[in-house]
Amino acid sequence: MEDRLKEMGLTLPSVPAPAGNYLPYTRVGNVLYLAGTLPVMDGKITHTGKVGETQTVEQAYEAAKMCALNAIAVVKSAAGSLDKVNRWVLVNGFVNGVAGFADSPAVLNGASDLLGSLFGEAGKHARAAVAVAGLPKDATVEIQCVVELKS
């Protein structure tokens, strides 16, 4: 899986430290429940602001990809290796959008497309894509994931 990341020209970011009194993930058996991940690189939010105001759908798509990269980094940290991933089960996505924003699925495709490209069938997942009035640190996108590890 690490080789596939390199082939795709991607580098995993450092796992962001929790911004509060919570864990980056909780493991129950073979299932990882990830806390929300933001589009962070080198400790800084890469995309801020509302889609439809300061961010376009295309920019927000990239933000969702960055969220997925952060989630993948958390999974690698938790499991020790991305080869231990059996499948991505669920991705809940939140888009910081203007009132009435209806293109959240197009934004969250950034995360879903990356997971599918990297993990193949194991990257296909159930998903919710919801527009919200605001996100932590004015991030453009946040995702929350559930991942099943191999036994």
N, C-alpha and C. Protein backbone atom coordinates (compact mmCIF):
# COMPACT_ATOMS: atom_id res chain seq x y z
N MET A 1 0.82 -1.20 0.00
CA MET A 1 0.00 0.00 0.00
C MET A 1 0.87 1.26 0.00
N GLU A 2 2.00 1.21 0.71
CA GLU A 2 2.90 2.36 0.74
C GLU A 2 3.42 2.66 -0.67
N ASP A 3 3.72 1.60 -1.43
CA ASP A 3 4.19 1.78 -2.80
C ASP A 3 3.10 2.42 -3.66
N ARG A 4 1.87 2.01 -3.45
CA ARG A 4 0.75 2.58 -4.21
C ARG A 4 0.61 4.08 -3.93
N LEU A 5 0.79 4.47 -2.67
CA LEU A 5 0.76 5.89 -2.32
C LEU A 5 1.82 6.65 -3.11
N LYS A 6 3.03 6.10 -3.15
CA LYS A 6 4.13 6.76 -3.88
C LYS A 6 3.82 6.85 -5.37
N GLU A 7 3.27 5.76 -5.93
CA GLU A 7 2.89 5.75 -7.35
C GLU A 7 1.89 6.85 -7.65
N MET A 8 1.01 7.11 -6.69
CA MET A 8 -0.02 8.15 -6.88
C MET A 8 0.53 9.54 -6.58
N GLY A 9 1.81 9.63 -6.17
CA GLY A 9 2.42 10.92 -5.87
C GLY A 9 1.94 11.52 -4.57
N LEU A 10 1.52 10.67 -3.63
CA LEU A 10 0.96 11.14 -2.36
C LEU A 10 1.89 10.82 -1.20
N THR A 11 1.92 11.73 -0.26
CA THR A 11 2.66 11.55 0.98
C THR A 11 1.70 11.73 2.14
N LEU A 12 1.75 10.81 3.08
CA LEU A 12 0.87 10.94 4.24
C LEU A 12 1.37 12.05 5.15
N PRO A 13 0.46 12.87 5.64
CA PRO A 13 0.86 13.90 6.61
C PRO A 13 1.11 13.26 7.97
N SER A 14 1.72 14.02 8.86
CA SER A 14 1.86 13.57 10.24
C SER A 14 0.47 13.52 10.85
N VAL A 15 0.26 12.58 11.77
CA VAL A 15 -1.04 12.48 12.42
C VAL A 15 -1.24 13.72 13.29
N PRO A 16 -2.30 14.46 13.02
CA PRO A 16 -2.55 15.67 13.82
C PRO A 16 -2.86 15.31 15.28
N ALA A 17 -2.36 16.10 16.19
CA ALA A 17 -2.68 15.91 17.61
C ALA A 17 -4.13 16.31 17.84
N PRO A 18 -4.83 15.61 18.72
CA PRO A 18 -6.21 16.00 19.03
C PRO A 18 -6.26 17.44 19.53
N ALA A 19 -7.30 18.14 19.14
CA ALA A 19 -7.45 19.55 19.53
C ALA A 19 -8.27 19.69 20.81
N GLY A 20 -8.53 18.58 21.48
CA GLY A 20 -9.34 18.61 22.69
C GLY A 20 -9.20 17.32 23.46
N ASN A 21 -10.14 17.08 24.33
CA ASN A 21 -10.11 15.91 25.20
C ASN A 21 -10.78 14.71 24.51
N TYR A 22 -10.11 14.19 23.50
CA TYR A 22 -10.60 13.02 22.77
C TYR A 22 -9.41 12.30 22.15
N LEU A 23 -9.65 11.11 21.63
CA LEU A 23 -8.63 10.30 20.97
C LEU A 23 -8.76 10.43 19.46
N PRO A 24 -7.67 10.27 18.72
CA PRO A 24 -7.77 10.31 17.26
C PRO A 24 -8.53 9.12 16.68
N TYR A 25 -8.58 8.03 17.46
CA TYR A 25 -9.34 6.85 17.06
C TYR A 25 -9.61 6.02 18.29
N THR A 26 -10.61 5.16 18.18
CA THR A 26 -10.89 4.15 19.18
C THR A 26 -10.99 2.82 18.44
N ARG A 27 -10.36 1.80 19.01
CA ARG A 27 -10.43 0.48 18.38
C ARG A 27 -11.30 -0.44 19.22
N VAL A 28 -12.27 -1.07 18.55
CA VAL A 28 -13.13 -2.06 19.18
C VAL A 28 -12.99 -3.32 18.33
N GLY A 29 -12.29 -4.32 18.86
CA GLY A 29 -12.03 -5.52 18.07
C GLY A 29 -11.20 -5.16 16.85
N ASN A 30 -11.71 -5.50 15.67
CA ASN A 30 -11.01 -5.20 14.42
C ASN A 30 -11.52 -3.92 13.76
N VAL A 31 -12.27 -3.13 14.48
CA VAL A 31 -12.86 -1.92 13.88
C VAL A 31 -12.26 -0.67 14.51
N LEU A 32 -11.82 0.23 13.64
CA LEU A 32 -11.33 1.54 14.07
C LEU A 32 -12.42 2.58 13.82
N TYR A 33 -12.71 3.37 14.83
CA TYR A 33 -13.63 4.50 14.71
C TYR A 33 -12.76 5.74 14.79
N LEU A 34 -12.66 6.46 13.69
CA LEU A 34 -11.80 7.63 13.65
C LEU A 34 -12.55 8.88 14.07
N ALA A 35 -11.87 9.74 14.83
CA ALA A 35 -12.42 11.06 15.12
C ALA A 35 -12.45 11.85 13.81
N GLY A 36 -13.13 12.94 13.80
CA GLY A 36 -13.18 13.77 12.60
C GLY A 36 -11.78 14.23 12.21
N THR A 37 -11.51 14.18 10.90
CA THR A 37 -10.23 14.68 10.39
C THR A 37 -10.48 15.87 9.49
N LEU A 38 -9.62 16.84 9.62
CA LEU A 38 -9.71 18.09 8.86
C LEU A 38 -8.63 18.08 7.77
N PRO A 39 -8.70 19.03 6.85
CA PRO A 39 -7.66 19.13 5.81
C PRO A 39 -6.42 19.83 6.39
N VAL A 40 -5.53 19.04 6.99
CA VAL A 40 -4.36 19.58 7.68
C VAL A 40 -3.08 19.08 7.03
N MET A 41 -2.12 19.97 6.88
CA MET A 41 -0.78 19.61 6.42
C MET A 41 0.21 20.46 7.20
N ASP A 42 1.21 19.83 7.76
CA ASP A 42 2.23 20.53 8.54
C ASP A 42 1.61 21.37 9.65
N GLY A 43 0.57 20.83 10.28
CA GLY A 43 -0.05 21.50 11.41
C GLY A 43 -0.96 22.66 11.06
N LYS A 44 -1.19 22.89 9.77
CA LYS A 44 -2.04 24.02 9.36
C LYS A 44 -3.20 23.54 8.50
N ILE A 45 -4.35 24.18 8.68
CA ILE A 45 -5.51 23.88 7.85
C ILE A 45 -5.22 24.36 6.43
N THR A 46 -5.41 23.48 5.45
CA THR A 46 -5.09 23.83 4.06
C THR A 46 -6.24 24.53 3.34
N HIS A 47 -7.46 24.30 3.79
CA HIS A 47 -8.63 24.90 3.14
C HIS A 47 -9.58 25.41 4.22
N THR A 48 -9.84 26.70 4.20
CA THR A 48 -10.77 27.29 5.15
C THR A 48 -11.84 28.07 4.40
N GLY A 49 -12.97 28.25 5.05
CA GLY A 49 -14.05 29.04 4.48
C GLY A 49 -15.16 28.18 3.90
N LYS A 50 -16.23 28.86 3.59
CA LYS A 50 -17.44 28.20 3.10
C LYS A 50 -17.41 27.95 1.60
N VAL A 51 -17.90 26.78 1.21
CA VAL A 51 -18.06 26.48 -0.21
C VAL A 51 -19.25 27.29 -0.71
N GLY A 52 -19.05 27.96 -1.81
CA GLY A 52 -20.08 28.84 -2.36
C GLY A 52 -19.84 30.29 -1.95
N GLU A 53 -18.81 30.51 -1.14
CA GLU A 53 -18.47 31.87 -0.73
C GLU A 53 -16.99 32.12 -1.03
N THR A 54 -16.09 31.50 -0.25
CA THR A 54 -14.65 31.68 -0.49
C THR A 54 -14.00 30.44 -1.10
N GLN A 55 -14.71 29.32 -1.12
CA GLN A 55 -14.20 28.07 -1.70
C GLN A 55 -15.13 27.58 -2.80
N THR A 56 -14.54 27.05 -3.87
CA THR A 56 -15.33 26.44 -4.93
C THR A 56 -15.53 24.95 -4.62
N VAL A 57 -16.42 24.32 -5.35
CA VAL A 57 -16.62 22.88 -5.19
C VAL A 57 -15.31 22.15 -5.51
N GLU A 58 -14.57 22.61 -6.51
CA GLU A 58 -13.31 21.97 -6.89
C GLU A 58 -12.26 22.11 -5.78
N GLN A 59 -12.19 23.28 -5.16
CA GLN A 59 -11.25 23.46 -4.04
C GLN A 59 -11.66 22.60 -2.85
N ALA A 60 -12.95 22.51 -2.61
CA ALA A 60 -13.44 21.71 -1.49
C ALA A 60 -13.21 20.22 -1.75
N TYR A 61 -13.30 19.79 -3.01
CA TYR A 61 -12.97 18.41 -3.40
C TYR A 61 -11.54 18.10 -2.96
N GLU A 62 -10.62 19.02 -3.21
CA GLU A 62 -9.22 18.85 -2.79
C GLU A 62 -9.10 18.83 -1.28
N ALA A 63 -9.90 19.63 -0.60
CA ALA A 63 -9.92 19.62 0.87
C ALA A 63 -10.36 18.25 1.38
N ALA A 64 -11.37 17.67 0.74
CA ALA A 64 -11.84 16.34 1.13
C ALA A 64 -10.76 15.29 0.92
N LYS A 65 -9.98 15.41 -0.16
CA LYS A 65 -8.85 14.51 -0.38
C LYS A 65 -7.83 14.64 0.75
N MET A 66 -7.58 15.88 1.16
CA MET A 66 -6.63 16.10 2.25
C MET A 66 -7.14 15.50 3.56
N CYS A 67 -8.44 15.61 3.78
CA CYS A 67 -9.04 14.97 4.96
C CYS A 67 -8.82 13.46 4.91
N ALA A 68 -9.02 12.87 3.73
CA ALA A 68 -8.82 11.43 3.57
C ALA A 68 -7.37 11.04 3.82
N LEU A 69 -6.43 11.85 3.35
CA LEU A 69 -5.02 11.56 3.61
C LEU A 69 -4.73 11.57 5.11
N ASN A 70 -5.34 12.51 5.82
CA ASN A 70 -5.17 12.55 7.27
C ASN A 70 -5.79 11.32 7.93
N ALA A 71 -6.96 10.91 7.46
CA ALA A 71 -7.60 9.71 7.99
C ALA A 71 -6.74 8.48 7.73
N ILE A 72 -6.16 8.40 6.54
CA ILE A 72 -5.29 7.27 6.20
C ILE A 72 -4.07 7.26 7.13
N ALA A 73 -3.52 8.44 7.42
CA ALA A 73 -2.38 8.54 8.33
C ALA A 73 -2.75 8.04 9.73
N VAL A 74 -3.96 8.36 10.18
CA VAL A 74 -4.42 7.88 11.48
C VAL A 74 -4.55 6.35 11.46
N VAL A 75 -5.09 5.81 10.39
CA VAL A 75 -5.24 4.35 10.28
C VAL A 75 -3.87 3.68 10.30
N LYS A 76 -2.92 4.23 9.57
CA LYS A 76 -1.57 3.65 9.56
C LYS A 76 -0.97 3.69 10.97
N SER A 77 -1.16 4.79 11.66
CA SER A 77 -0.65 4.92 13.03
C SER A 77 -1.30 3.90 13.96
N ALA A 78 -2.60 3.70 13.80
CA ALA A 78 -3.34 2.78 14.66
C ALA A 78 -3.02 1.33 14.37
N ALA A 79 -2.91 0.99 13.08
CA ALA A 79 -2.76 -0.41 12.67
C ALA A 79 -1.30 -0.83 12.48
N GLY A 80 -0.43 0.15 12.31
CA GLY A 80 0.98 -0.16 12.06
C GLY A 80 1.32 -0.29 10.59
N SER A 81 0.34 -0.62 9.78
CA SER A 81 0.53 -0.78 8.34
C SER A 81 -0.81 -0.64 7.63
N LEU A 82 -0.79 -0.02 6.47
CA LEU A 82 -2.03 0.10 5.69
C LEU A 82 -2.43 -1.24 5.08
N ASP A 83 -1.50 -2.18 5.03
CA ASP A 83 -1.82 -3.52 4.52
C ASP A 83 -2.76 -4.27 5.45
N LYS A 84 -2.94 -3.78 6.66
CA LYS A 84 -3.85 -4.42 7.61
C LYS A 84 -5.30 -3.98 7.43
N VAL A 85 -5.55 -3.05 6.51
CA VAL A 85 -6.92 -2.60 6.26
C VAL A 85 -7.68 -3.67 5.49
N ASN A 86 -8.80 -4.09 6.03
CA ASN A 86 -9.68 -5.01 5.31
C ASN A 86 -10.63 -4.23 4.41
N ARG A 87 -11.22 -3.15 4.98
CA ARG A 87 -12.08 -2.30 4.16
C ARG A 87 -12.42 -1.02 4.91
N TRP A 88 -12.69 0.02 4.14
CA TRP A 88 -13.26 1.27 4.66
C TRP A 88 -14.76 1.04 4.69
N VAL A 89 -15.36 1.14 5.85
CA VAL A 89 -16.77 0.81 6.04
C VAL A 89 -17.66 2.02 5.81
N LEU A 90 -17.28 3.15 6.41
CA LEU A 90 -18.16 4.33 6.40
C LEU A 90 -17.34 5.60 6.40
N VAL A 91 -17.78 6.57 5.60
CA VAL A 91 -17.23 7.92 5.63
C VAL A 91 -18.39 8.88 5.79
N ASN A 92 -18.40 9.60 6.90
CA ASN A 92 -19.36 10.68 7.09
C ASN A 92 -18.64 11.97 6.77
N GLY A 93 -19.19 12.75 5.87
CA GLY A 93 -18.53 13.98 5.45
C GLY A 93 -19.37 15.20 5.76
N PHE A 94 -18.68 16.25 6.19
CA PHE A 94 -19.32 17.51 6.55
C PHE A 94 -18.68 18.62 5.74
N VAL A 95 -19.48 19.39 5.06
CA VAL A 95 -18.99 20.46 4.20
C VAL A 95 -19.47 21.80 4.76
N ASN A 96 -18.53 22.69 4.99
CA ASN A 96 -18.82 24.04 5.45
C ASN A 96 -19.35 24.82 4.23
N GLY A 97 -20.66 24.89 4.11
CA GLY A 97 -21.25 25.49 2.93
C GLY A 97 -22.17 26.65 3.25
N VAL A 98 -22.42 27.44 2.23
CA VAL A 98 -23.37 28.54 2.38
C VAL A 98 -24.76 27.97 2.59
N ALA A 99 -25.66 28.78 3.09
CA ALA A 99 -27.05 28.33 3.29
C ALA A 99 -27.61 27.78 1.98
N GLY A 100 -28.20 26.61 2.06
CA GLY A 100 -28.80 25.98 0.89
C GLY A 100 -27.81 25.24 0.00
N PHE A 101 -26.56 25.12 0.40
CA PHE A 101 -25.56 24.42 -0.42
C PHE A 101 -25.99 22.97 -0.64
N ALA A 102 -26.08 22.55 -1.89
CA ALA A 102 -26.63 21.23 -2.20
C ALA A 102 -25.64 20.29 -2.89
N ASP A 103 -24.37 20.69 -3.01
CA ASP A 103 -23.39 19.87 -3.74
C ASP A 103 -22.39 19.15 -2.83
N SER A 104 -22.80 18.86 -1.60
CA SER A 104 -21.90 18.15 -0.69
C SER A 104 -21.41 16.82 -1.26
N PRO A 105 -22.25 16.04 -1.95
CA PRO A 105 -21.74 14.79 -2.51
C PRO A 105 -20.57 15.01 -3.49
N ALA A 106 -20.63 16.04 -4.31
CA ALA A 106 -19.53 16.33 -5.25
C ALA A 106 -18.25 16.67 -4.49
N VAL A 107 -18.37 17.36 -3.38
CA VAL A 107 -17.21 17.68 -2.55
C VAL A 107 -16.63 16.42 -1.94
N LEU A 108 -17.48 15.60 -1.32
CA LEU A 108 -17.01 14.40 -0.63
C LEU A 108 -16.48 13.35 -1.57
N ASN A 109 -16.77 13.47 -2.85
CA ASN A 109 -16.16 12.57 -3.82
C ASN A 109 -14.63 12.67 -3.77
N GLY A 110 -14.09 13.79 -3.32
CA GLY A 110 -12.64 13.91 -3.18
C GLY A 110 -12.08 12.84 -2.26
N ALA A 111 -12.73 12.62 -1.13
CA ALA A 111 -12.30 11.59 -0.19
C ALA A 111 -12.60 10.20 -0.76
N SER A 112 -13.81 10.01 -1.26
CA SER A 112 -14.21 8.69 -1.76
C SER A 112 -13.38 8.26 -2.96
N ASP A 113 -13.09 9.18 -3.87
CA ASP A 113 -12.28 8.84 -5.04
C ASP A 113 -10.87 8.44 -4.63
N LEU A 114 -10.30 9.15 -3.66
CA LEU A 114 -8.96 8.81 -3.20
C LEU A 114 -8.94 7.43 -2.55
N LEU A 115 -9.89 7.16 -1.67
CA LEU A 115 -9.93 5.86 -1.00
C LEU A 115 -10.12 4.73 -2.00
N GLY A 116 -10.98 4.94 -3.00
CA GLY A 116 -11.20 3.92 -4.02
C GLY A 116 -9.96 3.70 -4.88
N SER A 117 -9.28 4.78 -5.25
CA SER A 117 -8.07 4.67 -6.07
C SER A 117 -6.95 3.96 -5.32
N LEU A 118 -6.82 4.26 -4.04
CA LEU A 118 -5.73 3.69 -3.26
C LEU A 118 -6.01 2.26 -2.82
N PHE A 119 -7.21 2.00 -2.31
CA PHE A 119 -7.52 0.70 -1.71
C PHE A 119 -8.34 -0.22 -2.62
N GLY A 120 -8.76 0.24 -3.78
CA GLY A 120 -9.56 -0.59 -4.68
C GLY A 120 -10.90 -0.93 -4.05
N GLU A 121 -11.32 -2.18 -4.16
CA GLU A 121 -12.61 -2.61 -3.61
C GLU A 121 -12.68 -2.35 -2.10
N ALA A 122 -11.58 -2.48 -1.40
CA ALA A 122 -11.56 -2.26 0.04
C ALA A 122 -11.77 -0.79 0.40
N GLY A 123 -11.65 0.09 -0.58
CA GLY A 123 -11.86 1.52 -0.35
C GLY A 123 -13.29 1.96 -0.57
N LYS A 124 -14.12 1.08 -1.11
CA LYS A 124 -15.53 1.43 -1.32
C LYS A 124 -16.26 1.38 0.01
N HIS A 125 -17.09 2.36 0.27
CA HIS A 125 -17.69 2.54 1.59
C HIS A 125 -19.08 3.15 1.50
N ALA A 126 -19.83 3.01 2.58
CA ALA A 126 -21.08 3.76 2.72
C ALA A 126 -20.69 5.19 3.07
N ARG A 127 -21.61 6.15 2.82
CA ARG A 127 -21.22 7.54 3.03
C ARG A 127 -22.42 8.43 3.28
N ALA A 128 -22.18 9.46 4.07
CA ALA A 128 -23.11 10.57 4.19
C ALA A 128 -22.34 11.83 3.80
N ALA A 129 -23.01 12.76 3.14
CA ALA A 129 -22.39 14.02 2.73
C ALA A 129 -23.35 15.14 3.11
N VAL A 130 -23.00 15.91 4.13
CA VAL A 130 -23.91 16.88 4.71
C VAL A 130 -23.30 18.27 4.71
N ALA A 131 -24.04 19.25 4.30
CA ALA A 131 -23.59 20.65 4.41
C ALA A 131 -23.94 21.15 5.81
N VAL A 132 -23.01 21.89 6.40
CA VAL A 132 -23.20 22.43 7.74
C VAL A 132 -22.88 23.92 7.74
N ALA A 133 -23.30 24.60 8.80
CA ALA A 133 -23.11 26.05 8.90
C ALA A 133 -21.70 26.44 9.30
N GLY A 134 -20.91 25.51 9.82
CA GLY A 134 -19.55 25.82 10.22
C GLY A 134 -18.84 24.58 10.70
N LEU A 135 -17.50 24.61 10.65
CA LEU A 135 -16.66 23.51 11.12
C LEU A 135 -15.53 24.06 11.98
N PRO A 136 -14.89 23.20 12.77
CA PRO A 136 -13.79 23.65 13.61
C PRO A 136 -12.72 24.38 12.79
N LYS A 137 -12.20 25.46 13.35
CA LYS A 137 -11.14 26.25 12.73
C LYS A 137 -11.52 26.76 11.35
N ASP A 138 -12.82 26.85 11.07
CA ASP A 138 -13.35 27.31 9.79
C ASP A 138 -12.91 26.43 8.62
N ALA A 139 -12.59 25.14 8.93
CA ALA A 139 -12.20 24.20 7.87
C ALA A 139 -13.33 24.08 6.85
N THR A 140 -12.95 23.83 5.62
CA THR A 140 -13.93 23.68 4.54
C THR A 140 -14.62 22.33 4.59
N VAL A 141 -13.90 21.28 5.02
CA VAL A 141 -14.44 19.92 5.05
C VAL A 141 -13.93 19.19 6.29
N GLU A 142 -14.73 18.27 6.79
CA GLU A 142 -14.30 17.35 7.85
C GLU A 142 -14.91 15.99 7.52
N ILE A 143 -14.11 14.92 7.73
CA ILE A 143 -14.67 13.58 7.56
C ILE A 143 -14.46 12.77 8.83
N GLN A 144 -15.33 11.80 9.00
CA GLN A 144 -15.26 10.86 10.12
C GLN A 144 -15.42 9.47 9.51
N CYS A 145 -14.54 8.54 9.89
CA CYS A 145 -14.50 7.25 9.20
C CYS A 145 -14.57 6.07 10.16
N VAL A 146 -15.05 4.95 9.61
CA VAL A 146 -15.01 3.66 10.28
C VAL A 146 -14.27 2.71 9.34
N VAL A 147 -13.27 2.01 9.91
CA VAL A 147 -12.42 1.14 9.10
C VAL A 147 -12.33 -0.23 9.77
N GLU A 148 -12.49 -1.28 8.98
CA GLU A 148 -12.32 -2.65 9.49
C GLU A 148 -10.93 -3.13 9.16
N LEU A 149 -10.24 -3.65 10.16
CA LEU A 149 -8.91 -4.21 9.97
C LEU A 149 -9.01 -5.71 9.77
N LYS A 150 -7.99 -6.29 9.15
CA LYS A 150 -7.93 -7.74 8.97
C LYS A 150 -7.71 -8.40 10.32
N SER A 151 -8.24 -9.62 10.47
CA SER A 151 -8.08 -10.38 11.72
C SER A 151 -6.65 -10.80 11.91
